[in-house]
Amino acid sequence: MRTQSRVVECFSQPDSDPASCLAMQLHLMNAVAEGRRSAALFAYSFRDDHAALGRFHLAPDDRGTDLHRRVAGGRVLPIGPGYAGVALILPRRDAMTDDTPGTLSAPQVMNRHVRGFLKGCRELGADPIYPGRDVVTIDKKIIASVGLETDRRGAAVFEMVVAVWRAFDEVPSLIDRADPDGVVTAEILVPDEVTDLERELDQKLAFEDFARLLRHGFGEQLAATMVAGRLDADEEKEVRRLADDPAVLSQWVYGRCRSERLTHRGSLLGGAGQMDVYFEQINGVLGEVIISGDFIANSDGVGQLEAALRGCPREAEAIDRAITGACSRPQDFLLGIGPPSSVRDAILRGEPW
């Protein structure tokens, strides 16, 4: 039985820009993690087209303006007019479920929270399903992609990108423009594999209609009171400070970037797409390591794994020991690439690039 009511503050930012939306999302994550807000639902859209990397993709080193990076992992997605981003921000990943705290796995958490979007769509007459992994489909056509992040404090973000009136088959053209050197790997989706909400509903859907869909669906699923969120003057000042600092956006997008030190690359195909391990090798020992790709994981866990591999001999047993030591915490998750030993396999088959 619930001992307290659930309140989710709802914020929306249509026709915006990457810096402003990132600043808002980072601010809300901090506010929820620090207990200044109980939970937040943030919906946004961009006025211009961008290719939106997942949290763990390697970015090119030319630092163009057409790339964005989402808070959670997952595949490369388009974001701009016709697409909407969604972030449900919680103090811990199972904070809004009736399950015993700590018992839900990351896939179960994603399954619970995506139902809010499904409920909202069904109220309007569409019938999407969540078959698992990172996609939502209608008649086996992809209409949305989902991801999950938990940070070192335990704060969680369930994240979605939804095709509202444009579909995901536009990814290749956006990637070609943002990354002409082909550093970013992205799945090529064709028109027969994708759809959008307007097509399925056979009606126009303004951003406020979409935001209302989310508020209703997530309110029903979470059994929560959805209220309009407001920032006070100090919060508005902090969000503007983050948004106006070019170093914040640059570090966010290009903090995981191609560099000359990453001399080798090993690749594997997993359930969610491609994983690449880029690494430096010095006399048979691993130096800098970046694990990149379409997988979904907690950023703290990925950082811990990459750190454990640095200084490790490039040998199966040594790599296995490093992986086992780094992946022993119950809060860590690594979805879409198979067992953690897949990282070892990618390193061992790595070649100069």
Protein backbone atom coordinates (compact mmCIF):
# COMPACT_ATOMS: atom_id res chain seq x y z
CA MET A 1 0.00 0.00 0.00
CA ARG A 2 1.27 3.46 -0.84
CA THR A 3 2.12 5.59 2.16
CA GLN A 4 2.36 8.91 0.32
CA SER A 5 0.94 10.53 -2.77
CA ARG A 6 3.06 10.73 -5.90
CA VAL A 7 3.58 14.10 -7.53
CA VAL A 8 5.33 14.62 -10.85
CA GLU A 9 6.16 18.15 -12.00
CA CYS A 10 5.71 18.56 -15.76
CA PHE A 11 7.88 20.86 -17.86
CA SER A 12 7.83 21.41 -21.61
CA GLN A 13 10.17 23.23 -23.97
CA PRO A 14 8.94 23.15 -27.60
CA ASP A 15 10.83 24.60 -30.56
CA SER A 16 14.00 24.95 -28.50
CA ASP A 17 17.72 24.32 -28.97
CA PRO A 18 20.14 21.63 -27.69
CA ALA A 19 21.92 23.84 -25.16
CA SER A 20 18.70 25.02 -23.49
CA CYS A 21 17.17 21.54 -23.37
CA LEU A 22 20.35 19.96 -22.03
CA ALA A 23 20.67 22.67 -19.37
CA MET A 24 17.07 22.13 -18.29
CA GLN A 25 17.47 18.36 -18.12
CA LEU A 26 20.72 18.53 -16.15
CA HIS A 27 19.15 21.03 -13.74
CA LEU A 28 16.10 18.82 -13.16
CA MET A 29 18.33 15.79 -12.61
CA ASN A 30 20.25 17.67 -9.92
CA ALA A 31 17.06 18.96 -8.29
CA VAL A 32 15.55 15.47 -8.10
CA ALA A 33 18.79 13.82 -6.96
CA GLU A 34 19.19 16.40 -4.18
CA GLY A 35 15.59 16.05 -3.00
CA ARG A 36 14.49 19.54 -4.05
CA ARG A 37 11.90 17.97 -6.38
CA SER A 38 10.24 14.57 -6.06
CA ALA A 39 10.06 13.73 -9.79
CA ALA A 40 9.87 15.53 -13.13
CA LEU A 41 8.56 14.85 -16.62
CA PHE A 42 10.28 16.96 -19.27
CA ALA A 43 9.12 17.09 -22.91
CA TYR A 44 10.96 19.07 -25.56
CA SER A 45 11.54 19.55 -29.26
CA PHE A 46 14.26 21.26 -31.31
CA ARG A 47 13.66 23.96 -33.89
CA ASP A 48 16.51 22.64 -36.09
CA ASP A 49 17.54 19.14 -37.15
CA HIS A 50 20.27 17.28 -35.26
CA ALA A 51 21.58 13.75 -35.15
CA ALA A 52 21.16 12.71 -31.51
CA LEU A 53 23.88 10.34 -30.32
CA GLY A 54 23.27 7.96 -27.47
CA ARG A 55 25.23 8.55 -24.27
CA PHE A 56 28.09 6.24 -25.28
CA HIS A 57 28.72 6.87 -28.98
CA LEU A 58 32.12 8.10 -30.04
CA ALA A 59 31.80 11.57 -31.58
CA PRO A 60 33.90 12.85 -34.49
CA ASP A 61 36.65 15.31 -33.67
CA ASP A 62 35.57 18.15 -35.98
CA ARG A 63 33.08 19.53 -33.41
CA GLY A 64 30.34 20.46 -35.84
CA THR A 65 27.04 22.01 -34.79
CA ASP A 66 24.63 19.32 -36.02
CA LEU A 67 25.28 16.72 -33.30
CA HIS A 68 23.48 16.33 -29.99
CA ARG A 69 24.01 13.70 -27.27
CA ARG A 70 21.18 12.31 -25.18
CA VAL A 71 21.39 11.61 -21.45
CA ALA A 72 20.70 7.87 -21.82
CA GLY A 73 22.26 5.29 -24.09
CA GLY A 74 20.74 3.77 -27.20
CA ARG A 75 20.89 4.14 -30.95
CA VAL A 76 21.56 7.26 -33.01
CA LEU A 77 18.25 9.08 -33.55
CA PRO A 78 16.99 12.14 -35.39
CA ILE A 79 15.73 15.08 -33.35
CA GLY A 80 14.33 18.32 -34.67
CA PRO A 81 10.97 19.49 -36.05
CA GLY A 82 8.60 16.52 -36.04
CA TYR A 83 10.34 14.65 -33.22
CA ALA A 84 9.91 14.98 -29.47
CA GLY A 85 12.20 14.14 -26.60
CA VAL A 86 10.87 12.90 -23.26
CA ALA A 87 12.66 12.48 -19.93
CA LEU A 88 11.08 11.04 -16.78
CA ILE A 89 13.48 11.99 -13.99
CA LEU A 90 13.35 10.10 -10.68
CA PRO A 91 15.43 9.96 -7.48
CA ARG A 92 16.00 6.26 -8.11
CA ARG A 93 15.01 4.06 -11.01
CA ASP A 94 12.17 2.21 -9.20
CA ALA A 95 10.90 5.21 -7.22
CA MET A 96 7.51 5.24 -8.96
CA THR A 97 6.68 1.55 -8.87
CA ASP A 98 4.95 -0.56 -6.24
CA ASP A 99 7.69 -3.16 -6.32
CA THR A 100 10.03 -3.78 -3.40
CA PRO A 101 12.87 -1.24 -3.70
CA GLY A 102 15.93 -2.67 -5.40
CA THR A 103 14.22 -5.72 -6.87
CA LEU A 104 13.56 -4.49 -10.42
CA SER A 105 16.16 -5.02 -13.12
CA ALA A 106 16.88 -2.25 -15.61
CA PRO A 107 14.80 -3.92 -18.39
CA GLN A 108 11.88 -4.24 -15.96
CA VAL A 109 12.15 -0.57 -15.07
CA MET A 110 12.04 0.40 -18.74
CA ASN A 111 9.06 -1.88 -19.25
CA ARG A 112 7.18 -0.23 -16.37
CA HIS A 113 7.82 3.34 -17.47
CA VAL A 114 7.21 2.97 -21.20
CA ARG A 115 3.64 1.99 -20.36
CA GLY A 116 2.88 5.65 -19.65
CA PHE A 117 3.54 6.50 -23.27
CA LEU A 118 1.61 3.45 -24.47
CA LYS A 119 -1.43 4.42 -22.37
CA GLY A 120 -1.41 7.96 -23.68
CA CYS A 121 -1.25 6.81 -27.31
CA ARG A 122 -4.09 4.34 -26.82
CA GLU A 123 -6.32 7.09 -25.47
CA LEU A 124 -5.94 8.81 -28.84
CA GLY A 125 -6.54 5.67 -30.88
CA ALA A 126 -3.05 4.39 -31.69
CA ASP A 127 -1.97 0.98 -30.41
CA PRO A 128 1.81 0.81 -29.90
CA ILE A 129 3.58 -2.05 -28.16
CA TYR A 130 6.93 -2.36 -26.44
CA PRO A 131 8.51 -5.61 -27.69
CA GLY A 132 11.56 -5.04 -25.50
CA ARG A 133 15.07 -3.70 -25.95
CA ASP A 134 15.03 -0.07 -27.07
CA VAL A 135 12.09 0.40 -29.44
CA VAL A 136 8.34 0.99 -29.40
CA THR A 137 6.48 -0.23 -32.48
CA ILE A 138 3.12 -0.16 -34.21
CA ASP A 139 2.53 -3.10 -36.56
CA LYS A 140 6.26 -3.89 -36.20
CA LYS A 141 7.23 -0.39 -37.38
CA ILE A 142 9.39 1.71 -35.05
CA ILE A 143 7.72 4.83 -33.67
CA ALA A 144 9.87 5.59 -30.62
CA SER A 145 13.12 4.61 -28.95
CA VAL A 146 13.76 4.34 -25.21
CA GLY A 147 16.76 4.40 -22.89
CA LEU A 148 17.65 4.47 -19.21
CA GLU A 149 20.38 6.23 -17.25
CA THR A 150 21.23 6.11 -13.57
CA ASP A 151 24.03 8.30 -12.30
CA ARG A 152 26.49 7.80 -9.44
CA ARG A 153 23.92 9.25 -7.00
CA GLY A 154 21.29 6.73 -8.08
CA ALA A 155 19.13 9.35 -9.83
CA ALA A 156 17.45 7.87 -12.89
CA VAL A 157 16.29 9.16 -16.27
CA PHE A 158 13.91 7.15 -18.41
CA GLU A 159 14.31 8.75 -21.82
CA MET A 160 12.41 8.56 -25.11
CA VAL A 161 12.58 10.07 -28.57
CA VAL A 162 9.23 9.88 -30.36
CA ALA A 163 8.47 10.23 -34.07
CA VAL A 164 5.52 12.65 -33.99
CA TRP A 165 5.15 13.68 -37.62
CA ARG A 166 8.50 12.56 -39.10
CA ALA A 167 9.86 9.01 -38.96
CA PHE A 168 13.28 7.65 -38.01
CA ASP A 169 14.34 6.80 -41.57
CA GLU A 170 15.84 10.31 -41.73
CA VAL A 171 18.79 9.25 -39.55
CA PRO A 172 21.20 8.55 -42.47
CA SER A 173 20.85 12.00 -44.02
CA LEU A 174 21.36 13.71 -40.65
CA ILE A 175 24.41 11.58 -39.85
CA ASP A 176 25.94 12.24 -43.29
CA ARG A 177 25.62 15.97 -42.66
CA ALA A 178 26.86 15.92 -39.06
CA ASP A 179 29.61 13.32 -39.51
CA PRO A 180 30.93 13.27 -43.10
CA ASP A 181 34.00 11.23 -42.05
CA GLY A 182 31.84 8.32 -40.90
CA VAL A 183 33.06 8.05 -37.30
CA VAL A 184 29.55 7.45 -35.92
CA THR A 185 27.99 4.06 -36.62
CA ALA A 186 24.20 4.10 -37.03
CA GLU A 187 21.60 1.56 -38.08
CA ILE A 188 20.03 2.35 -41.46
CA LEU A 189 16.23 2.27 -41.21
CA VAL A 190 14.13 2.27 -44.37
CA PRO A 191 10.61 3.73 -44.74
CA ASP A 192 8.90 0.33 -44.45
CA GLU A 193 10.44 -0.16 -40.99
CA VAL A 194 9.26 3.08 -39.40
CA THR A 195 6.16 5.16 -38.77
CA ASP A 196 5.03 8.25 -36.84
CA LEU A 197 2.14 9.23 -34.58
CA GLU A 198 0.36 11.50 -37.03
CA ARG A 199 0.38 8.79 -39.66
CA GLU A 200 -1.05 6.25 -37.23
CA LEU A 201 -3.67 8.63 -35.80
CA ASP A 202 -4.49 10.16 -39.19
CA GLN A 203 -4.60 13.59 -37.57
CA LYS A 204 -2.34 16.55 -36.86
CA LEU A 205 -0.69 16.53 -33.45
CA ALA A 206 0.60 19.84 -32.05
CA PHE A 207 3.32 19.74 -29.40
CA GLU A 208 0.84 20.62 -26.64
CA ASP A 209 -1.36 17.71 -27.76
CA PHE A 210 1.65 15.45 -27.43
CA ALA A 211 2.54 16.88 -24.01
CA ARG A 212 -1.05 16.31 -22.87
CA LEU A 213 -0.82 12.70 -24.08
CA LEU A 214 2.28 12.24 -21.93
CA ARG A 215 0.79 13.85 -18.83
CA HIS A 216 -2.30 11.70 -19.03
CA GLY A 217 -0.53 8.45 -19.83
CA PHE A 218 2.26 8.77 -17.27
CA GLY A 219 -0.18 10.03 -14.64
CA GLU A 220 -2.32 6.93 -15.12
CA GLN A 221 0.63 4.54 -15.20
CA LEU A 222 2.43 6.04 -12.22
CA ALA A 223 -0.79 6.67 -10.25
CA ALA A 224 0.63 10.17 -9.80
CA THR A 225 -0.68 13.70 -9.66
CA MET A 226 0.78 15.56 -12.62
CA VAL A 227 1.27 19.27 -11.90
CA ALA A 228 2.68 22.13 -13.94
CA GLY A 229 6.32 22.66 -13.03
CA ARG A 230 7.76 26.10 -12.37
CA LEU A 231 11.34 27.31 -11.92
CA ASP A 232 12.02 30.02 -9.38
CA ALA A 233 14.28 32.97 -10.20
CA ASP A 234 17.44 31.28 -8.93
CA GLU A 235 16.70 28.14 -10.92
CA GLU A 236 16.06 30.12 -14.08
CA LYS A 237 19.39 31.86 -13.58
CA GLU A 238 21.19 28.52 -13.16
CA VAL A 239 19.59 27.04 -16.28
CA ARG A 240 20.55 30.13 -18.31
CA ARG A 241 24.10 29.92 -16.98
CA LEU A 242 24.42 26.31 -18.13
CA ALA A 243 22.80 27.00 -21.49
CA ASP A 244 24.99 30.03 -22.20
CA ASP A 245 28.27 28.28 -21.38
CA PRO A 246 29.55 26.81 -24.68
CA ALA A 247 31.98 24.59 -22.80
CA VAL A 248 29.10 22.72 -21.14
CA LEU A 249 27.51 21.67 -24.44
CA SER A 250 30.85 21.00 -26.12
CA GLN A 251 32.06 18.76 -23.30
CA TRP A 252 28.73 16.95 -23.21
CA VAL A 253 28.68 16.14 -26.92
CA TYR A 254 32.41 15.71 -27.51
CA GLY A 255 33.62 14.39 -24.16
CA ARG A 256 33.72 10.96 -25.80
CA CYS A 257 35.57 11.89 -28.96
CA ARG A 258 37.81 10.35 -31.59
CA SER A 259 41.48 10.96 -30.76
CA GLU A 260 44.85 9.90 -32.15
CA ARG A 261 45.55 7.90 -28.99
CA LEU A 262 42.74 5.46 -29.82
CA THR A 263 44.78 3.46 -32.33
CA HIS A 264 42.72 0.22 -32.32
CA ARG A 265 39.08 -0.71 -32.70
CA GLY A 266 37.20 -3.96 -32.14
CA SER A 267 33.52 -4.35 -33.10
CA LEU A 268 30.68 -6.73 -32.35
CA LEU A 269 26.98 -6.82 -33.19
CA GLY A 270 24.68 -7.15 -30.19
CA GLY A 271 20.95 -7.24 -29.66
CA ALA A 272 20.62 -3.44 -29.73
CA GLY A 273 23.09 -2.75 -32.52
CA GLN A 274 26.84 -2.34 -32.89
CA MET A 275 29.36 -2.03 -30.09
CA ASP A 276 32.85 -0.68 -30.76
CA VAL A 277 35.72 -0.73 -28.29
CA TYR A 278 38.34 1.88 -29.16
CA PHE A 279 41.61 1.55 -27.34
CA GLU A 280 45.21 2.54 -27.09
CA GLN A 281 47.79 -0.27 -26.95
CA ILE A 282 51.31 0.22 -25.61
CA ASN A 283 53.59 -2.82 -25.54
CA GLY A 284 50.68 -5.20 -25.27
CA VAL A 285 48.98 -3.21 -22.50
CA LEU A 286 45.73 -1.27 -22.84
CA GLY A 287 45.92 2.49 -22.40
CA GLU A 288 42.90 4.71 -22.93
CA VAL A 289 39.68 2.71 -23.57
CA ILE A 290 36.29 3.94 -24.80
CA ILE A 291 33.36 1.54 -25.13
CA SER A 292 31.01 2.95 -27.74
CA GLY A 293 27.78 2.02 -29.47
CA ASP A 294 24.03 1.57 -29.32
CA PHE A 295 23.88 -0.18 -25.94
CA ILE A 296 22.02 1.06 -22.85
CA ALA A 297 23.90 1.25 -19.57
CA ASN A 298 24.45 3.39 -16.49
CA SER A 299 27.18 5.94 -17.19
CA ASP A 300 28.89 5.39 -13.84
CA GLY A 301 29.20 1.66 -14.56
CA VAL A 302 30.61 2.22 -18.05
CA GLY A 303 33.13 4.69 -16.66
CA GLN A 304 34.18 2.19 -14.00
CA LEU A 305 34.60 -0.56 -16.60
CA GLU A 306 36.69 1.64 -18.90
CA ALA A 307 38.90 2.65 -15.96
CA ALA A 308 39.38 -0.99 -14.93
CA LEU A 309 40.59 -1.91 -18.43
CA ARG A 310 43.26 0.80 -18.55
CA GLY A 311 46.64 -0.70 -17.70
CA CYS A 312 45.34 -4.23 -18.29
CA PRO A 313 47.41 -6.62 -20.46
CA ARG A 314 45.63 -7.41 -23.72
CA GLU A 315 45.09 -11.04 -22.72
CA ALA A 316 41.81 -12.88 -22.22
CA GLU A 317 42.30 -13.84 -18.57
CA ALA A 318 43.52 -10.41 -17.50
CA ILE A 319 40.66 -8.69 -19.33
CA ASP A 320 38.13 -11.08 -17.78
CA ARG A 321 39.42 -10.31 -14.28
CA ALA A 322 39.14 -6.58 -14.93
CA ILE A 323 35.60 -6.93 -16.28
CA THR A 324 34.46 -9.15 -13.40
CA GLY A 325 35.83 -6.71 -10.84
CA ALA A 326 34.22 -3.71 -12.52
CA CYS A 327 30.78 -5.26 -13.15
CA SER A 328 29.98 -6.65 -9.71
CA ARG A 329 27.69 -3.90 -8.39
CA PRO A 330 23.92 -4.59 -8.38
CA GLN A 331 23.09 -1.10 -9.67
CA ASP A 332 25.09 -1.55 -12.88
CA PHE A 333 23.49 -2.66 -16.14
CA LEU A 334 24.78 -3.16 -19.67
CA LEU A 335 22.02 -3.95 -22.15
CA GLY A 336 22.12 -4.74 -25.84
CA ILE A 337 25.60 -6.26 -26.30
CA GLY A 338 25.26 -9.63 -24.64
CA PRO A 339 27.30 -10.59 -21.56
CA PRO A 340 30.08 -8.27 -20.36
CA SER A 341 32.58 -10.76 -21.83
CA SER A 342 31.57 -9.32 -25.22
CA VAL A 343 33.82 -6.38 -24.37
CA ARG A 344 36.74 -8.80 -24.02
CA ASP A 345 35.95 -10.38 -27.38
CA ALA A 346 35.86 -6.99 -29.09
CA ILE A 347 39.22 -6.02 -27.59
CA LEU A 348 40.88 -9.26 -28.61
CA ARG A 349 39.72 -8.95 -32.21
CA GLY A 350 40.58 -5.27 -32.39
CA GLU A 351 42.75 -4.01 -35.22
CA PRO A 352 44.47 -0.71 -36.03
CA TRP A 353 42.10 1.84 -37.53
